[in-house]
Amino acid sequence: AVGSAIASCGLLYRLALWLVAHTRGGFTGQVLALAIAGVLIGPAVPNATGRVTLIAPALTELVEALGYAPGSPAAAGLAMAALIGFGQMSAVFLTSSTTAVLVYAVLPPATRDDLTWLSWAGRAAPANLLLLSGLIAAIVGLYRPRADGRRAESIRPGALALPRALLGPPTRSERAALIVGAALLLGFLTQPLHGVDPAWVAVLALAALAAARALTAEMLRAVNWSFALLFGMLASLSDVLAGAQVDRWLAGLVAGSAGALVRVPVLFVMAVTLLCFAVSLVLRWQASAPLLTIALAPVAERAGISPLVVGLIAVIACNGFFLPYQSTTYLALYHGTDGRLFTHAQARRAAMAYGLATLLALCASLPAWRLMGLL
């Protein structure tokens, strides 16, 4: 509900527009600005599909204001940059996606007790930094405007003045959302100091938005309550399996049949990543990530690998968009832009780059995770 209020007031588009307008470096700078804008906004608006749904209609106007023709390589590249930042970087912070929160909820109690909002970000940082860097480089390389069509490389500083003027000054709802969003993130960051559970910090933020009249009944009705029910069911499933000792049985079964993979961390990470790719083809990300975490966390723990590693892999690797139907965030971007900015064929190159970058980033994070004591 907090994310819906922050997103619905138009603050997402205003912040993205401001970042792009103040970024230099032509197409590369614009890709960087859109991707980073999504990453920074993510923890305050946990629903990745919702973020993309709300930014997508405005993205077409932004691309045209920058001087790129819809359907051009550059337009497709900026759309992919928005998808990466607002949709795919879903494990940067604990609240970057509802799926990350759900994966956290199904981790073993000992692992959860050792995690805070800040420690999640720190332990996930190696993989996310490598992944984001690789994806930005891939988008710039794959979608850079041709020499004869680089209309926006030397764009005038005032090219985005009209869209910004049409927005007008920030509304009361936008100012309230910005202040409450910043306070919410500050509350998450300082959780080790004040000891208040992040859920109660979010409740206080919700009350503040309601008091400022930035939260309406329509926004509450728009919340995906079905997913909230699924959240509760999956979160309790891990306790049920542990109580029935199914987790121990599964750990012994997998360890016996795939002992070599479990004993070599890099092989284990590669195998889990590829398994996530495969499962996500038949099961939505929001369900496949927690279910795989429930199934594989005991296996990893028995091999001396932190269940958090499995959770991070699941959140990142199950979020692919190799096929259009596979990702709700991808479909939200495609339909939100009326299919004008890019085709599925153009997006497929970014999807393949996401898969390769995910595999490389997760494997390359092993030395850092070993230093952190996760292996």
Protein backbone atom coordinates (compact mmCIF):
# COMPACT_ATOMS: atom_id res chain seq x y z
CA ALA A 1 0.00 0.00 0.00
CA VAL A 2 2.87 2.39 0.78
CA GLY A 3 4.44 1.58 -2.58
CA SER A 4 1.13 2.14 -4.38
CA ALA A 5 0.74 5.57 -2.82
CA ILE A 6 4.29 6.63 -3.67
CA ALA A 7 4.03 5.31 -7.22
CA SER A 8 0.53 6.56 -8.04
CA CYS A 9 1.21 10.21 -7.31
CA GLY A 10 3.56 10.66 -10.29
CA LEU A 11 6.74 10.89 -8.25
CA LEU A 12 8.40 8.04 -10.18
CA TYR A 13 8.20 9.85 -13.52
CA ARG A 14 9.28 13.17 -12.03
CA LEU A 15 12.39 11.66 -10.46
CA ALA A 16 13.29 9.70 -13.61
CA LEU A 17 12.84 12.81 -15.75
CA TRP A 18 14.97 14.88 -13.39
CA LEU A 19 17.79 12.33 -13.43
CA VAL A 20 17.80 12.03 -17.24
CA ALA A 21 17.66 15.81 -17.67
CA HIS A 22 20.70 16.30 -15.42
CA THR A 23 22.78 13.49 -16.91
CA ARG A 24 25.48 14.09 -19.51
CA GLY A 25 27.07 11.57 -21.84
CA GLY A 26 24.39 11.12 -24.50
CA PHE A 27 22.83 7.67 -24.88
CA THR A 28 25.18 6.04 -22.38
CA GLY A 29 24.33 8.63 -19.73
CA GLN A 30 20.60 8.25 -20.40
CA VAL A 31 20.77 4.46 -20.02
CA LEU A 32 22.73 4.88 -16.80
CA ALA A 33 20.26 7.46 -15.44
CA LEU A 34 17.17 5.35 -16.11
CA ALA A 35 18.70 2.20 -14.66
CA ILE A 36 19.95 3.92 -11.51
CA ALA A 37 16.65 5.78 -11.06
CA GLY A 38 14.83 2.46 -10.92
CA VAL A 39 17.32 0.95 -8.47
CA LEU A 40 17.06 3.95 -6.13
CA ILE A 41 13.27 4.07 -6.21
CA GLY A 42 12.91 0.31 -5.78
CA PRO A 43 13.20 -0.05 -2.00
CA ALA A 44 10.39 2.45 -1.38
CA VAL A 45 8.08 0.85 -3.99
CA PRO A 46 8.53 -2.93 -3.56
CA ASN A 47 6.18 -4.08 -6.34
CA ALA A 48 8.41 -4.37 -9.43
CA THR A 49 5.50 -4.89 -11.82
CA GLY A 50 3.74 -1.88 -10.32
CA ARG A 51 6.82 0.30 -10.75
CA VAL A 52 7.12 -0.65 -14.41
CA THR A 53 3.37 -0.26 -15.02
CA LEU A 54 3.44 3.31 -13.75
CA ILE A 55 6.65 4.40 -15.52
CA ALA A 56 5.83 2.75 -18.88
CA PRO A 57 3.29 5.28 -20.29
CA ALA A 58 5.56 8.20 -19.45
CA LEU A 59 8.57 6.43 -20.93
CA THR A 60 7.27 6.85 -24.48
CA GLU A 61 7.01 10.62 -23.97
CA LEU A 62 10.49 10.71 -22.46
CA VAL A 63 12.05 8.79 -25.36
CA GLU A 64 10.38 11.02 -27.95
CA ALA A 65 11.44 14.15 -26.04
CA LEU A 66 15.02 12.91 -26.21
CA GLY A 67 14.70 12.76 -29.99
CA TYR A 68 14.57 9.01 -30.59
CA ALA A 69 12.03 7.48 -32.96
CA PRO A 70 9.81 4.77 -31.41
CA GLY A 71 11.04 1.36 -32.52
CA SER A 72 14.59 2.55 -33.13
CA PRO A 73 17.51 0.75 -31.48
CA ALA A 74 18.01 3.66 -29.08
CA ALA A 75 14.33 3.70 -28.06
CA ALA A 76 14.47 -0.04 -27.43
CA GLY A 77 17.68 0.43 -25.44
CA LEU A 78 16.15 3.06 -23.16
CA ALA A 79 13.11 0.83 -22.65
CA MET A 80 15.42 -2.04 -21.66
CA ALA A 81 17.32 0.29 -19.31
CA ALA A 82 14.03 1.16 -17.60
CA LEU A 83 13.12 -2.53 -17.40
CA ILE A 84 16.48 -3.39 -15.85
CA GLY A 85 16.36 -0.58 -13.28
CA PHE A 86 12.67 -0.62 -12.38
CA GLY A 87 11.98 -4.34 -12.85
CA GLN A 88 14.98 -6.65 -12.96
CA MET A 89 17.21 -5.31 -10.15
CA SER A 90 14.91 -6.90 -7.62
CA ALA A 91 17.38 -8.12 -4.99
CA VAL A 92 19.43 -4.97 -4.37
CA PHE A 93 17.60 -4.26 -1.12
CA LEU A 94 15.31 -6.44 0.95
CA THR A 95 12.36 -4.26 -0.09
CA SER A 96 13.33 -3.91 -3.76
CA SER A 97 10.62 -6.45 -4.58
CA THR A 98 7.85 -8.32 -2.84
CA THR A 99 9.51 -11.51 -4.06
CA ALA A 100 12.68 -10.65 -2.14
CA VAL A 101 10.59 -10.08 1.00
CA LEU A 102 8.87 -13.43 0.43
CA VAL A 103 12.19 -15.23 -0.04
CA TYR A 104 13.40 -13.63 3.19
CA ALA A 105 10.28 -14.92 4.95
CA VAL A 106 10.94 -18.54 3.90
CA LEU A 107 14.62 -18.59 4.89
CA PRO A 108 15.50 -20.67 7.98
CA PRO A 109 14.94 -18.77 11.25
CA ALA A 110 18.66 -18.65 12.08
CA THR A 111 19.40 -17.01 8.73
CA ARG A 112 16.57 -14.49 9.12
CA ASP A 113 17.70 -13.55 12.62
CA ASP A 114 21.13 -12.66 11.23
CA LEU A 115 19.70 -10.37 8.54
CA THR A 116 18.67 -6.73 8.60
CA TRP A 117 17.66 -4.45 5.75
CA LEU A 118 21.21 -3.09 5.62
CA SER A 119 22.99 -6.44 5.92
CA TRP A 120 20.87 -7.87 3.09
CA ALA A 121 22.01 -4.98 0.87
CA GLY A 122 25.65 -5.50 1.85
CA ARG A 123 25.66 -9.25 1.23
CA ALA A 124 23.76 -8.90 -2.03
CA ALA A 125 25.99 -6.04 -3.23
CA PRO A 126 28.70 -8.11 -5.02
CA ALA A 127 26.22 -9.86 -7.29
CA ASN A 128 24.06 -6.80 -7.86
CA LEU A 129 26.95 -4.46 -8.67
CA LEU A 130 28.38 -6.93 -11.17
CA LEU A 131 24.95 -7.61 -12.65
CA LEU A 132 24.00 -3.94 -13.04
CA SER A 133 27.38 -3.02 -14.54
CA GLY A 134 27.20 -5.90 -17.01
CA LEU A 135 23.65 -5.10 -18.06
CA ILE A 136 24.33 -1.40 -18.58
CA ALA A 137 27.37 -2.24 -20.70
CA ALA A 138 25.32 -4.77 -22.69
CA ILE A 139 22.47 -2.33 -23.35
CA VAL A 140 24.86 0.41 -24.47
CA GLY A 141 26.67 -2.03 -26.76
CA LEU A 142 23.55 -3.69 -28.19
CA TYR A 143 21.32 -0.65 -28.67
CA ARG A 144 23.63 2.31 -29.25
CA PRO A 145 22.17 4.62 -31.94
CA ARG A 146 23.64 4.28 -35.39
CA ALA A 147 25.93 7.05 -36.58
CA ASP A 148 23.27 8.33 -38.97
CA GLY A 149 20.51 8.36 -36.39
CA ARG A 150 22.05 9.67 -33.20
CA ARG A 151 19.70 12.61 -32.86
CA ALA A 152 19.93 12.76 -29.09
CA GLU A 153 23.69 12.39 -28.61
CA SER A 154 24.08 16.16 -28.71
CA ILE A 155 20.71 16.97 -27.25
CA ARG A 156 20.18 20.54 -26.10
CA PRO A 157 20.03 21.10 -22.34
CA GLY A 158 16.44 22.35 -22.68
CA ALA A 159 15.13 19.41 -24.70
CA LEU A 160 13.23 18.07 -21.69
CA ALA A 161 11.99 21.48 -20.62
CA LEU A 162 8.50 20.95 -22.11
CA PRO A 163 7.74 17.66 -20.31
CA ARG A 164 9.03 19.12 -17.07
CA ALA A 165 6.95 22.28 -17.56
CA LEU A 166 3.83 20.22 -18.24
CA LEU A 167 4.35 18.42 -14.94
CA GLY A 168 4.30 21.72 -13.10
CA PRO A 169 5.51 22.13 -9.53
CA PRO A 170 5.38 19.10 -7.21
CA THR A 171 1.92 18.51 -5.81
CA ARG A 172 1.16 18.10 -2.13
CA SER A 173 0.83 14.34 -2.62
CA GLU A 174 4.22 14.15 -4.35
CA ARG A 175 5.92 16.13 -1.60
CA ALA A 176 4.32 13.94 1.06
CA ALA A 177 5.31 10.78 -0.81
CA LEU A 178 8.89 12.00 -1.18
CA ILE A 179 9.23 12.86 2.51
CA VAL A 180 7.58 9.66 3.72
CA GLY A 181 9.57 7.55 1.24
CA ALA A 182 12.84 9.08 2.42
CA ALA A 183 11.83 8.58 6.06
CA LEU A 184 10.87 4.98 5.31
CA LEU A 185 14.30 4.24 3.84
CA LEU A 186 15.97 5.98 6.77
CA GLY A 187 13.94 3.81 9.13
CA PHE A 188 15.10 0.68 7.32
CA LEU A 189 18.73 1.83 7.34
CA THR A 190 18.76 2.61 11.05
CA GLN A 191 16.89 -0.53 12.12
CA PRO A 192 19.96 -1.92 13.96
CA LEU A 193 19.96 1.26 16.09
CA HIS A 194 16.29 1.63 17.00
CA GLY A 195 15.37 -2.08 16.90
CA VAL A 196 11.90 -1.49 15.42
CA ASP A 197 10.83 -4.25 13.04
CA PRO A 198 10.72 -3.03 9.40
CA ALA A 199 7.06 -4.06 9.18
CA TRP A 200 6.15 -1.52 11.87
CA VAL A 201 8.27 1.13 10.16
CA ALA A 202 6.17 0.52 7.03
CA VAL A 203 2.95 0.76 9.09
CA LEU A 204 4.06 4.16 10.40
CA ALA A 205 4.79 5.27 6.83
CA LEU A 206 1.33 4.11 5.78
CA ALA A 207 -0.26 6.11 8.60
CA ALA A 208 1.76 9.20 7.64
CA LEU A 209 0.64 8.95 4.01
CA ALA A 210 -2.98 8.56 5.10
CA ALA A 211 -2.67 11.59 7.39
CA ALA A 212 -1.24 13.63 4.51
CA ARG A 213 -4.14 12.46 2.29
CA ALA A 214 -1.66 10.91 -0.14
CA LEU A 215 -3.31 7.50 0.33
CA THR A 216 -6.82 6.94 -0.99
CA ALA A 217 -9.33 4.11 -0.85
CA GLU A 218 -8.74 3.48 -4.58
CA MET A 219 -5.04 2.89 -3.91
CA LEU A 220 -5.87 0.37 -1.19
CA ARG A 221 -8.29 -1.43 -3.51
CA ALA A 222 -5.55 -1.57 -6.16
CA VAL A 223 -3.25 -3.54 -3.84
CA ASN A 224 -2.80 -7.15 -4.98
CA TRP A 225 -4.44 -8.81 -1.99
CA SER A 226 -4.35 -12.20 -3.72
CA PHE A 227 -0.57 -12.00 -3.69
CA ALA A 228 -0.69 -11.08 -0.01
CA LEU A 229 -2.63 -14.30 0.60
CA LEU A 230 -0.08 -16.27 -1.44
CA PHE A 231 2.66 -14.57 0.58
CA GLY A 232 1.19 -15.85 3.83
CA MET A 233 0.71 -19.37 2.50
CA LEU A 234 4.27 -19.69 1.16
CA ALA A 235 5.79 -18.10 4.25
CA SER A 236 4.09 -20.68 6.47
CA LEU A 237 4.99 -23.53 4.11
CA SER A 238 8.64 -23.45 5.17
CA ASP A 239 7.62 -23.92 8.82
CA VAL A 240 5.35 -26.82 7.88
CA LEU A 241 8.13 -28.57 5.94
CA ALA A 242 10.60 -28.02 8.76
CA GLY A 243 8.15 -29.37 11.32
CA ALA A 244 7.59 -32.49 9.23
CA GLN A 245 11.38 -32.79 8.70
CA VAL A 246 10.87 -32.79 4.94
CA ASP A 247 13.73 -30.31 4.63
CA ARG A 248 16.18 -32.77 6.22
CA TRP A 249 14.96 -35.60 4.02
CA LEU A 250 15.30 -33.45 0.90
CA ALA A 251 18.77 -32.28 1.91
CA GLY A 252 19.95 -35.86 2.34
CA LEU A 253 18.38 -36.94 -0.95
CA VAL A 254 19.97 -34.15 -2.99
CA ALA A 255 23.32 -34.42 -1.22
CA GLY A 256 23.43 -38.11 -2.03
CA SER A 257 22.48 -37.80 -5.69
CA ALA A 258 24.40 -34.61 -6.50
CA GLY A 259 27.26 -34.71 -4.03
CA ALA A 260 29.86 -33.29 -6.44
CA LEU A 261 27.76 -30.21 -7.14
CA VAL A 262 27.17 -29.54 -3.47
CA ARG A 263 30.85 -29.91 -2.57
CA VAL A 264 32.07 -27.37 -5.18
CA PRO A 265 30.41 -23.96 -4.58
CA VAL A 266 30.86 -22.65 -8.13
CA LEU A 267 29.22 -25.76 -9.58
CA PHE A 268 26.42 -25.50 -7.03
CA VAL A 269 25.79 -21.84 -7.91
CA MET A 270 25.81 -22.60 -11.63
CA ALA A 271 23.44 -25.54 -11.19
CA VAL A 272 20.98 -23.57 -9.04
CA THR A 273 21.07 -20.64 -11.48
CA LEU A 274 20.33 -22.87 -14.47
CA LEU A 275 17.60 -24.63 -12.49
CA CYS A 276 16.02 -21.23 -11.76
CA PHE A 277 16.12 -20.37 -15.47
CA ALA A 278 14.33 -23.63 -16.29
CA VAL A 279 11.70 -23.46 -13.54
CA SER A 280 10.84 -19.83 -14.35
CA LEU A 281 9.76 -20.95 -17.83
CA VAL A 282 6.79 -22.81 -16.33
CA LEU A 283 6.25 -21.01 -13.00
CA ARG A 284 5.98 -17.30 -12.29
CA TRP A 285 8.93 -15.59 -10.62
CA GLN A 286 6.86 -14.67 -7.56
CA ALA A 287 6.21 -18.36 -6.86
CA SER A 288 9.30 -20.07 -8.27
CA ALA A 289 11.82 -18.03 -6.23
CA PRO A 290 10.39 -18.83 -2.76
CA LEU A 291 9.59 -22.45 -3.66
CA LEU A 292 13.13 -23.11 -4.87
CA THR A 293 14.49 -21.38 -1.77
CA ILE A 294 12.39 -23.63 0.47
CA ALA A 295 13.57 -26.72 -1.42
CA LEU A 296 17.28 -25.89 -1.73
CA ALA A 297 18.07 -23.91 1.44
CA PRO A 298 18.46 -27.10 3.57
CA VAL A 299 20.71 -28.61 0.89
CA ALA A 300 22.94 -25.54 0.87
CA GLU A 301 23.03 -25.34 4.66
CA ARG A 302 24.13 -28.95 4.92
CA ALA A 303 26.98 -28.22 2.46
CA GLY A 304 28.17 -25.20 4.46
CA ILE A 305 26.60 -22.62 2.12
CA SER A 306 24.36 -19.97 3.66
CA PRO A 307 20.69 -20.31 2.65
CA LEU A 308 20.85 -16.58 1.87
CA VAL A 309 23.01 -17.42 -1.15
CA VAL A 310 20.25 -19.69 -2.46
CA GLY A 311 17.68 -16.97 -1.79
CA LEU A 312 19.66 -14.33 -3.67
CA ILE A 313 20.21 -16.66 -6.62
CA ALA A 314 16.50 -17.48 -6.73
CA VAL A 315 15.35 -13.84 -6.65
CA ILE A 316 17.77 -12.83 -9.41
CA ALA A 317 17.79 -15.90 -11.67
CA CYS A 318 14.05 -16.64 -11.58
CA ASN A 319 13.37 -13.11 -12.85
CA GLY A 320 14.32 -13.75 -16.47
CA PHE A 321 12.31 -12.69 -19.50
CA PHE A 322 13.63 -15.04 -22.18
CA LEU A 323 10.07 -15.51 -23.46
CA PRO A 324 7.46 -12.71 -23.40
CA TYR A 325 4.90 -14.59 -21.28
CA GLN A 326 7.51 -15.37 -18.64
CA SER A 327 7.72 -12.00 -16.88
CA THR A 328 4.88 -9.79 -15.68
CA THR A 329 7.27 -6.83 -15.45
CA TYR A 330 8.32 -7.26 -19.08
CA LEU A 331 4.69 -7.52 -20.22
CA ALA A 332 3.81 -4.44 -18.16
CA LEU A 333 6.50 -2.48 -20.00
CA TYR A 334 5.55 -3.79 -23.43
CA HIS A 335 1.81 -3.15 -23.09
CA GLY A 336 2.34 0.05 -21.09
CA THR A 337 4.20 1.52 -24.06
CA ASP A 338 1.60 0.05 -26.48
CA GLY A 339 4.36 -1.96 -28.12
CA ARG A 340 5.70 1.20 -29.76
CA LEU A 341 9.17 1.49 -28.24
CA PHE A 342 10.47 -2.01 -28.96
CA THR A 343 9.60 -5.39 -30.42
CA HIS A 344 9.96 -8.78 -28.76
CA ALA A 345 12.82 -9.53 -31.14
CA GLN A 346 14.67 -6.39 -30.01
CA ALA A 347 14.09 -7.25 -26.35
CA ARG A 348 15.34 -10.80 -26.79
CA ARG A 349 18.94 -9.57 -27.02
CA ALA A 350 18.60 -7.89 -23.62
CA ALA A 351 16.98 -11.04 -22.23
CA MET A 352 19.91 -13.17 -23.34
CA ALA A 353 22.31 -10.59 -21.90
CA TYR A 354 20.40 -10.75 -18.59
CA GLY A 355 20.78 -14.52 -18.45
CA LEU A 356 24.50 -14.46 -19.21
CA ALA A 357 25.18 -11.53 -16.87
CA THR A 358 23.24 -13.27 -14.08
CA LEU A 359 25.25 -16.47 -14.39
CA LEU A 360 28.60 -14.64 -14.51
CA ALA A 361 27.74 -12.19 -11.71
CA LEU A 362 26.59 -14.91 -9.31
CA CYS A 363 29.65 -17.09 -9.95
CA ALA A 364 32.02 -14.11 -9.70
CA SER A 365 30.48 -13.15 -6.33
CA LEU A 366 31.71 -16.32 -4.63
CA PRO A 367 35.07 -14.89 -3.41
CA ALA A 368 33.28 -11.92 -1.82
CA TRP A 369 30.66 -14.17 -0.24
CA ARG A 370 33.42 -16.37 1.13
CA LEU A 371 35.00 -13.33 2.80
CA MET A 372 31.59 -12.45 4.27
CA GLY A 373 31.32 -15.92 5.81
CA LEU A 374 28.46 -17.07 3.59
CA LEU A 375 30.47 -20.06 2.33
